Each structure stands twice: as structure tokens, then as C-alpha cells.
């Protein structure tokens, strides 16, 4: 998820609360679960709206990246594959869901320093290169004004509503 600020891409990061057994929260990209019978693109639109309140996002054709990862929950290994799409919004205000404790729009370099997981860093790097190659100015709608100098703690917003989990 990105928006343009003075012709530069800013990427949306969400602050996820600490996972079971972990003591720290972490910044990551929006994601969620696909519902039965739902197309990936529809999942992206639904999950972004549920997790952030952003509506009318524009999916950029030609960008779809997969990551796979695993983790343990209650002694079980969980394997996941996640498809990431690149979407644009002209909105700045985000209403995060109960699943998150903060959000922030950041330019590429700052976003990279916030991200914990290498998979997320790889996705945002590919998105940034894709936008650079495609030409940001040709994608400019109506950029919102705002500061890119956000404290590392991010901006906490009021909760939105319940959502499905990650896709």
C-alpha cells in the first residue's frame, strides 16, 4: 500500500502487537486471509479496508509477489504462502483495526529501517523498484500533504472494526 507525497512514494506499515511468546511488537505490511470463493484481488481490497479503513484503492497491474514462511504455534509448525499486490491510495488518514496498535506512512528508506522481517523488506524493495521503473509521476493523483518525519513509535489511530486475519 502506498500513496504519493510530493511525488515520492510513502508506504503504509502497520504495528502488529507482540506474538504469543514474543516480547516485542513489530512493523509489517498489511495482509490477511482469503475467504472461501474469494479472488486474491478482492481479498486485498477487503482486507485493506477492514484493517485500515482505506477504500477505493487502485491495484497496480504487473506487481504480484509471493513469500513463504513458517512459525510455531502451540508446538505445531505453521507454513504460509502470502501473495502481495501493490496498491495506491490518495488517502492519508488510516483507521486501524483492533489487530494493530499503530500505523505510519513512510518513504522507502525509513520504511526499510522499521521492518523486522527480511521477506517484508524484499517485498517493499521490489515494490519501490517497480514504482521507480514504471514512473511515479505518471501515477500521481492528488497527493496529500503531511510530514514524512514520523517518530519510530508511529501514529496510533482509533480502532476501526473487526477483521479477518492475514492474507
Foldseek 3Di string as FASTA:
>chain_A
DWEDAPLATWAKWFWAADDVPGDGIAIFHAFFDDDPPDDPVRRVQQSCCQFWVAHDKAWDPPDKDKDWDWDDDPRDIDIDIGIDTDIYDQDDHTAGAPRTFAMATAGLVVVLVRHDDPVRNVSSVVVNVVCVVVDSVVVHDPHDYDDNPAPSVHGGHHHDYDDGGGD
